[in-house]
Protein backbone atom coordinates (compact mmCIF):
# COMPACT_ATOMS: atom_id res chain seq x y z
CA MET A 1 0.00 0.00 0.00
CA SER A 2 1.46 3.35 -1.00
CA ASP A 3 0.58 6.59 0.73
CA LEU A 4 0.31 10.22 -0.11
CA VAL A 5 1.23 12.58 2.72
CA PHE A 6 -0.52 15.78 3.81
CA MET A 7 1.39 17.89 6.29
CA MET A 8 -0.66 19.12 9.25
CA GLY A 9 1.94 21.44 10.68
CA GLN A 10 4.62 19.04 11.92
CA TYR A 11 2.34 15.99 11.69
CA GLU A 12 2.26 13.75 8.60
CA ALA A 13 -1.24 12.56 7.71
CA HIS A 14 -0.77 9.45 5.56
CA ILE A 15 -3.43 8.93 2.89
CA PRO A 16 -3.31 5.40 1.39
CA THR A 17 -3.90 5.31 -2.36
CA ASP A 18 -5.70 1.94 -2.29
CA ARG A 19 -9.03 3.44 -1.22
CA ARG A 20 -11.31 6.40 -1.86
CA TYR A 21 -12.30 9.27 0.42
CA ALA A 22 -15.32 11.31 1.48
CA LYS A 23 -15.07 15.03 2.17
CA ASN A 24 -16.15 14.36 5.77
CA HIS A 25 -12.72 12.76 6.32
CA MET A 26 -13.65 9.11 6.03
CA TRP A 27 -11.92 6.54 3.85
CA ALA A 28 -13.86 3.95 1.85
CA ARG A 29 -12.51 0.56 0.84
CA PRO A 30 -14.66 -1.58 -1.45
CA ASP A 31 -15.27 -5.27 -0.83
CA GLY A 32 -17.62 -6.28 -3.62
CA VAL A 33 -20.77 -4.15 -3.42
CA VAL A 34 -20.05 -3.21 0.20
CA HIS A 35 -17.68 -0.40 1.20
CA ARG A 36 -16.02 -0.34 4.59
CA PHE A 37 -15.57 3.17 6.06
CA GLY A 38 -13.24 4.57 8.71
CA PHE A 39 -11.60 7.83 9.76
CA THR A 40 -8.65 9.19 7.82
CA ALA A 41 -5.37 10.10 9.51
CA TYR A 42 -6.47 13.73 9.23
CA ALA A 43 -9.68 13.09 11.21
CA GLU A 44 -7.96 10.84 13.73
CA ARG A 45 -5.33 13.50 14.38
CA MET A 46 -8.05 16.09 14.99
CA LEU A 47 -9.93 13.78 17.34
CA ARG A 48 -6.97 12.30 19.22
CA ASP A 49 -7.92 9.81 21.96
CA VAL A 50 -11.42 8.53 21.18
CA TYR A 51 -13.29 7.33 24.26
CA PHE A 52 -17.00 7.30 23.29
CA LEU A 53 -18.85 6.22 20.17
CA GLU A 54 -22.62 5.92 19.73
CA TRP A 55 -24.75 5.07 16.68
CA TYR A 56 -28.26 6.42 16.01
CA VAL A 57 -29.34 3.96 13.31
CA ASP A 58 -29.47 0.19 12.96
CA PRO A 59 -27.96 -2.03 10.27
CA GLY A 60 -30.33 -2.35 7.34
CA THR A 61 -31.29 1.34 7.47
CA LEU A 62 -31.31 3.28 4.20
CA LEU A 63 -29.20 6.40 4.67
CA GLU A 64 -29.01 9.68 2.80
CA ALA A 65 -25.67 11.40 2.31
CA GLN A 66 -24.88 13.66 5.29
CA GLN A 67 -27.59 12.07 7.46
CA ALA A 68 -26.67 12.06 11.16
CA ILE A 69 -25.75 8.49 12.09
CA GLY A 70 -24.03 8.80 15.45
CA GLU A 71 -21.72 10.77 17.68
CA ILE A 72 -18.17 10.58 18.89
CA GLU A 73 -16.28 12.04 21.84
CA SER A 74 -12.56 12.28 22.25
CA LYS A 75 -9.88 14.18 24.10
CA LYS A 76 -10.11 17.02 21.57
CA ALA A 77 -13.68 17.01 20.21
CA GLU A 78 -17.32 16.08 20.50
CA SER A 79 -19.08 15.74 17.19
CA GLN A 80 -21.97 14.19 15.37
CA LEU A 81 -21.09 11.67 12.68
CA PHE A 82 -22.68 11.86 9.25
CA ALA A 83 -23.13 9.31 6.47
CA PRO A 84 -20.43 9.91 3.85
CA ALA A 85 -22.77 8.82 1.03
CA GLY A 86 -26.26 7.46 0.46
CA GLY A 87 -26.94 3.76 0.69
CA ARG A 88 -27.85 0.93 3.04
CA LEU A 89 -25.96 0.47 6.30
CA VAL A 90 -24.76 -3.14 6.47
CA GLN A 91 -22.96 -3.30 9.82
CA TRP A 92 -21.16 -1.42 12.57
CA ASN A 93 -17.76 -2.46 13.83
CA GLU A 94 -19.05 -3.90 17.11
CA ALA A 95 -15.56 -4.10 18.61
CA LEU A 96 -15.42 -0.28 18.68
CA MET A 97 -18.53 -0.13 20.85
CA TYR A 98 -16.56 -1.83 23.63
CA ASP A 99 -13.24 -0.13 22.92
CA PRO A 100 -13.37 2.87 20.54
CA SER A 101 -9.63 3.45 21.00
CA GLY A 102 -9.19 0.98 18.11
CA ILE A 103 -9.82 4.01 15.90
CA ASN A 104 -6.55 5.51 17.16
CA ARG A 105 -4.54 2.28 17.12
CA ASP A 106 -5.40 1.08 13.60
CA LYS A 107 -7.42 3.70 11.70
CA TYR A 108 -6.89 2.08 8.28
CA GLY A 109 -7.44 -1.49 9.49
CA GLU A 110 -9.27 -2.87 12.52
CA GLY A 111 -10.41 0.65 13.51
CA TRP A 112 -12.96 0.79 10.65
CA LEU A 113 -16.35 2.23 11.65
CA PHE A 114 -19.07 0.69 9.48
CA ALA A 115 -19.89 -0.99 6.18
CA MET A 116 -22.41 0.25 3.60
CA GLU A 117 -23.85 -0.75 0.25
CA LEU A 118 -23.57 2.56 -1.59
CA ALA A 119 -26.28 3.94 -3.85
CA SER A 120 -23.42 5.57 -5.81
CA SER A 121 -19.72 6.03 -5.21
CA GLU A 122 -19.51 9.08 -7.49
CA THR A 123 -19.00 11.52 -4.62
CA LEU A 124 -16.00 9.60 -3.26
CA LEU A 125 -12.61 11.09 -4.11
CA GLU A 126 -9.42 9.45 -5.27
CA ALA A 127 -6.52 9.88 -2.81
CA ALA A 128 -4.91 12.77 -4.73
CA ALA A 129 -8.21 14.66 -4.93
CA TYR A 130 -8.73 14.13 -1.19
CA VAL A 131 -5.27 15.59 -0.47
CA ASP A 132 -6.24 18.60 -2.63
CA HIS A 133 -9.43 18.91 -0.55
CA LEU A 134 -7.37 18.85 2.66
CA ALA A 135 -5.27 21.72 1.33
CA THR A 136 -8.43 23.80 0.81
CA VAL A 137 -9.77 23.17 4.34
CA TRP A 138 -6.45 23.40 6.21
CA GLU A 139 -6.80 27.11 7.03
CA LEU A 140 -10.21 26.53 8.64
CA THR A 141 -8.78 23.55 10.50
CA GLN A 142 -5.97 25.65 11.94
CA ARG A 143 -8.49 28.20 13.24
CA THR A 144 -10.47 25.33 14.76
CA ILE A 145 -7.36 24.02 16.50
CA LYS A 146 -6.73 27.48 17.94
CA GLY A 147 -10.04 27.57 19.75
CA ASP A 148 -13.07 27.65 17.47
CA SER A 149 -15.59 24.84 17.76
CA CYS A 150 -14.64 21.50 16.24
CA LYS A 151 -17.05 20.30 13.55
CA LEU A 152 -14.70 18.50 11.21
CA ILE A 153 -16.41 15.19 10.75
């Protein structure tokens, strides 16, 4: 797996090129018709130590893009979570319900969040396009880090 790198100040956010990305800072990796989603290194760096994760919807639910699906709390942020695309929710990563710190330990592997059958993957970005998107939102992110409210995800 090769990575692109986006510099967040002194921190390197690695963006693997073997998957696609949503603008709400989630990666998507296809497995047949199902896509597995998780937080990117950018999102994980903003969140830091995740200690609470809750889902609002059950597997089997049809979701619209940007529909609220849960919430997350961490050392640095409290935020609602939104569907990265429209489709049917297949499953949650149940292991994270008992220990959400898996998001921090293995964000591109066992720390995946959920799986969906997508209505369309057209809104998902290739890795290079996602890095370009990060460059456009970095200024806002820096202001957020310096004290404004955190609504990155």
